[in-house]
């Protein structure tokens, strides 16, 4: 993973759900990311969905 950001998306049941946007090496999968996170984060912090992008997520000053 090169860079990532997690945002809240609308959810009918919870109000919001975590959605990860990830800039990763080619071939990376959402399953690999989620398997990595499951041992490191409490369940409610694990993103419910993952979106991959090849564009940088931050500008030169580090802002999203």
N, C-alpha and C. Protein backbone atom coordinates (compact mmCIF):
# COMPACT_ATOMS: atom_id res chain seq x y z
N UNK A 1 0.85 -1.17 0.00
CA UNK A 1 0.00 0.00 0.00
C UNK A 1 0.90 1.23 0.00
N UNK A 2 0.61 2.14 -0.89
CA UNK A 2 1.39 3.37 -0.99
C UNK A 2 0.78 4.50 -0.19
N UNK A 3 -0.55 4.58 -0.19
CA UNK A 3 -1.26 5.64 0.50
C UNK A 3 -2.71 5.22 0.67
N UNK A 4 -3.35 5.76 1.69
CA UNK A 4 -4.77 5.43 1.89
C UNK A 4 -5.47 6.54 2.66
N UNK A 5 -6.79 6.54 2.52
CA UNK A 5 -7.64 7.45 3.28
C UNK A 5 -8.95 6.70 3.53
N UNK A 6 -9.54 6.92 4.68
CA UNK A 6 -10.83 6.30 5.01
C UNK A 6 -11.85 7.41 5.19
N UNK A 7 -12.98 7.26 4.53
CA UNK A 7 -14.06 8.26 4.61
C UNK A 7 -15.34 7.56 5.07
N UNK A 8 -16.26 8.35 5.59
CA UNK A 8 -17.56 7.82 5.97
C UNK A 8 -18.55 7.96 4.83
N UNK A 9 -19.21 6.86 4.49
CA UNK A 9 -20.27 6.88 3.47
C UNK A 9 -21.61 6.68 4.16
N UNK A 10 -22.67 7.21 3.62
CA UNK A 10 -23.99 7.05 4.23
C UNK A 10 -24.38 5.57 4.36
N UNK A 11 -25.01 5.25 5.49
CA UNK A 11 -25.48 3.89 5.74
C UNK A 11 -26.85 3.98 6.40
N UNK A 12 -27.83 3.27 5.87
CA UNK A 12 -29.19 3.33 6.41
C UNK A 12 -29.28 2.82 7.84
N UNK A 13 -28.49 1.80 8.19
CA UNK A 13 -28.57 1.22 9.52
C UNK A 13 -27.71 1.94 10.55
N UNK A 14 -26.49 2.31 10.14
CA UNK A 14 -25.52 2.86 11.10
C UNK A 14 -25.33 4.37 11.00
N UNK A 15 -25.87 4.99 9.98
CA UNK A 15 -25.63 6.41 9.76
C UNK A 15 -24.48 6.62 8.81
N UNK A 16 -23.33 5.98 9.11
CA UNK A 16 -22.17 6.02 8.23
C UNK A 16 -21.45 4.68 8.32
N UNK A 17 -20.70 4.38 7.25
CA UNK A 17 -19.85 3.19 7.25
C UNK A 17 -18.48 3.59 6.70
N UNK A 18 -17.44 2.92 7.16
CA UNK A 18 -16.09 3.23 6.73
C UNK A 18 -15.84 2.69 5.33
N UNK A 19 -15.26 3.55 4.47
CA UNK A 19 -14.90 3.19 3.09
C UNK A 19 -13.45 3.62 2.88
N UNK A 20 -12.59 2.67 2.50
CA UNK A 20 -11.17 2.96 2.28
C UNK A 20 -10.90 3.22 0.81
N UNK A 21 -10.14 4.26 0.53
CA UNK A 21 -9.63 4.53 -0.81
C UNK A 21 -8.12 4.32 -0.73
N UNK A 22 -7.61 3.43 -1.56
CA UNK A 22 -6.23 2.97 -1.41
C UNK A 22 -5.46 3.12 -2.72
N UNK A 23 -4.27 3.68 -2.61
CA UNK A 23 -3.32 3.67 -3.71
C UNK A 23 -2.34 2.55 -3.37
N UNK A 24 -2.35 1.48 -4.16
CA UNK A 24 -1.55 0.30 -3.83
C UNK A 24 -0.71 -0.14 -5.02
N UNK A 25 0.21 -1.04 -4.73
CA UNK A 25 1.00 -1.66 -5.79
C UNK A 25 0.08 -2.47 -6.69
N UNK A 26 0.39 -2.59 -7.97
CA UNK A 26 -0.43 -3.41 -8.87
C UNK A 26 -0.57 -4.84 -8.33
N UNK A 27 -1.76 -5.38 -8.43
CA UNK A 27 -2.02 -6.75 -7.98
C UNK A 27 -2.53 -6.85 -6.56
N UNK A 28 -2.50 -5.77 -5.81
CA UNK A 28 -3.01 -5.80 -4.43
C UNK A 28 -4.52 -6.03 -4.47
N UNK A 29 -5.03 -6.75 -3.46
CA UNK A 29 -6.46 -7.03 -3.42
C UNK A 29 -7.09 -6.51 -2.14
N UNK A 30 -8.38 -6.30 -2.20
CA UNK A 30 -9.12 -5.86 -1.01
C UNK A 30 -9.03 -6.92 0.07
N UNK A 31 -9.08 -8.20 -0.29
CA UNK A 31 -9.00 -9.29 0.69
C UNK A 31 -7.69 -9.22 1.45
N UNK A 32 -6.57 -8.98 0.75
CA UNK A 32 -5.27 -8.87 1.42
C UNK A 32 -5.27 -7.72 2.41
N UNK A 33 -5.82 -6.60 2.02
CA UNK A 33 -5.88 -5.44 2.91
C UNK A 33 -6.72 -5.74 4.14
N UNK A 34 -7.91 -6.30 3.94
CA UNK A 34 -8.80 -6.58 5.06
C UNK A 34 -8.21 -7.65 5.98
N UNK A 35 -7.56 -8.67 5.41
CA UNK A 35 -6.90 -9.68 6.24
C UNK A 35 -5.80 -9.06 7.10
N UNK A 36 -5.08 -8.10 6.55
CA UNK A 36 -4.04 -7.40 7.29
C UNK A 36 -4.64 -6.59 8.44
N UNK A 37 -5.76 -5.93 8.19
CA UNK A 37 -6.37 -5.04 9.18
C UNK A 37 -7.08 -5.77 10.31
N UNK A 38 -7.59 -6.97 10.04
CA UNK A 38 -8.43 -7.67 11.02
C UNK A 38 -7.68 -7.94 12.34
N UNK A 39 -6.37 -8.14 12.28
CA UNK A 39 -5.58 -8.38 13.50
C UNK A 39 -5.06 -7.11 14.14
N UNK A 40 -5.31 -5.96 13.51
CA UNK A 40 -4.73 -4.71 13.99
C UNK A 40 -5.76 -3.67 14.43
N UNK A 41 -6.99 -3.81 13.99
CA UNK A 41 -8.04 -2.84 14.32
C UNK A 41 -9.23 -3.53 14.97
N UNK A 42 -9.92 -2.80 15.82
CA UNK A 42 -11.18 -3.33 16.35
C UNK A 42 -12.17 -3.42 15.19
N UNK A 43 -13.12 -4.30 15.29
CA UNK A 43 -14.01 -4.64 14.18
C UNK A 43 -14.72 -3.42 13.57
N UNK A 44 -15.20 -2.52 14.40
CA UNK A 44 -15.98 -1.40 13.86
C UNK A 44 -15.12 -0.40 13.08
N UNK A 45 -13.80 -0.47 13.21
CA UNK A 45 -12.92 0.43 12.46
C UNK A 45 -12.46 -0.15 11.12
N UNK A 46 -12.75 -1.41 10.86
CA UNK A 46 -12.36 -2.04 9.61
C UNK A 46 -13.31 -1.56 8.51
N UNK A 47 -12.77 -1.05 7.40
CA UNK A 47 -13.64 -0.55 6.32
C UNK A 47 -14.58 -1.62 5.80
N UNK A 48 -15.81 -1.22 5.52
CA UNK A 48 -16.80 -2.14 4.94
C UNK A 48 -16.60 -2.29 3.44
N UNK A 49 -15.92 -1.33 2.82
CA UNK A 49 -15.66 -1.40 1.38
C UNK A 49 -14.30 -0.77 1.08
N UNK A 50 -13.72 -1.21 -0.03
CA UNK A 50 -12.39 -0.75 -0.43
C UNK A 50 -12.44 -0.38 -1.91
N UNK A 51 -11.82 0.74 -2.23
CA UNK A 51 -11.73 1.22 -3.63
C UNK A 51 -10.26 1.48 -3.92
N UNK A 52 -9.77 0.96 -5.03
CA UNK A 52 -8.37 1.17 -5.41
C UNK A 52 -8.28 2.27 -6.46
N UNK A 53 -7.18 3.03 -6.38
CA UNK A 53 -6.91 4.08 -7.35
C UNK A 53 -5.43 4.06 -7.69
N UNK A 54 -5.09 4.51 -8.87
CA UNK A 54 -3.68 4.61 -9.23
C UNK A 54 -3.16 6.04 -9.08
N UNK A 55 -4.07 6.95 -8.72
CA UNK A 55 -3.68 8.36 -8.52
C UNK A 55 -3.24 8.59 -7.07
N UNK A 56 -2.27 9.48 -6.86
CA UNK A 56 -1.88 9.83 -5.49
C UNK A 56 -3.07 10.42 -4.73
N UNK A 57 -3.16 10.10 -3.45
CA UNK A 57 -4.27 10.56 -2.62
C UNK A 57 -3.97 11.87 -1.90
N UNK A 58 -2.71 12.27 -1.93
CA UNK A 58 -2.33 13.50 -1.23
C UNK A 58 -1.58 14.42 -2.19
N UNK A 59 -1.67 15.72 -1.92
CA UNK A 59 -0.93 16.67 -2.74
C UNK A 59 0.48 16.85 -2.17
N UNK A 60 1.24 17.76 -2.71
CA UNK A 60 2.63 17.96 -2.28
C UNK A 60 2.76 18.37 -0.83
N UNK A 61 1.73 19.00 -0.27
CA UNK A 61 1.79 19.41 1.14
C UNK A 61 1.24 18.34 2.08
N UNK A 62 0.83 17.19 1.53
CA UNK A 62 0.35 16.09 2.36
C UNK A 62 -1.14 16.11 2.64
N UNK A 63 -1.87 17.03 2.02
CA UNK A 63 -3.32 17.13 2.25
C UNK A 63 -4.07 16.18 1.34
N UNK A 64 -5.19 15.66 1.85
CA UNK A 64 -6.02 14.75 1.06
C UNK A 64 -6.81 15.52 0.05
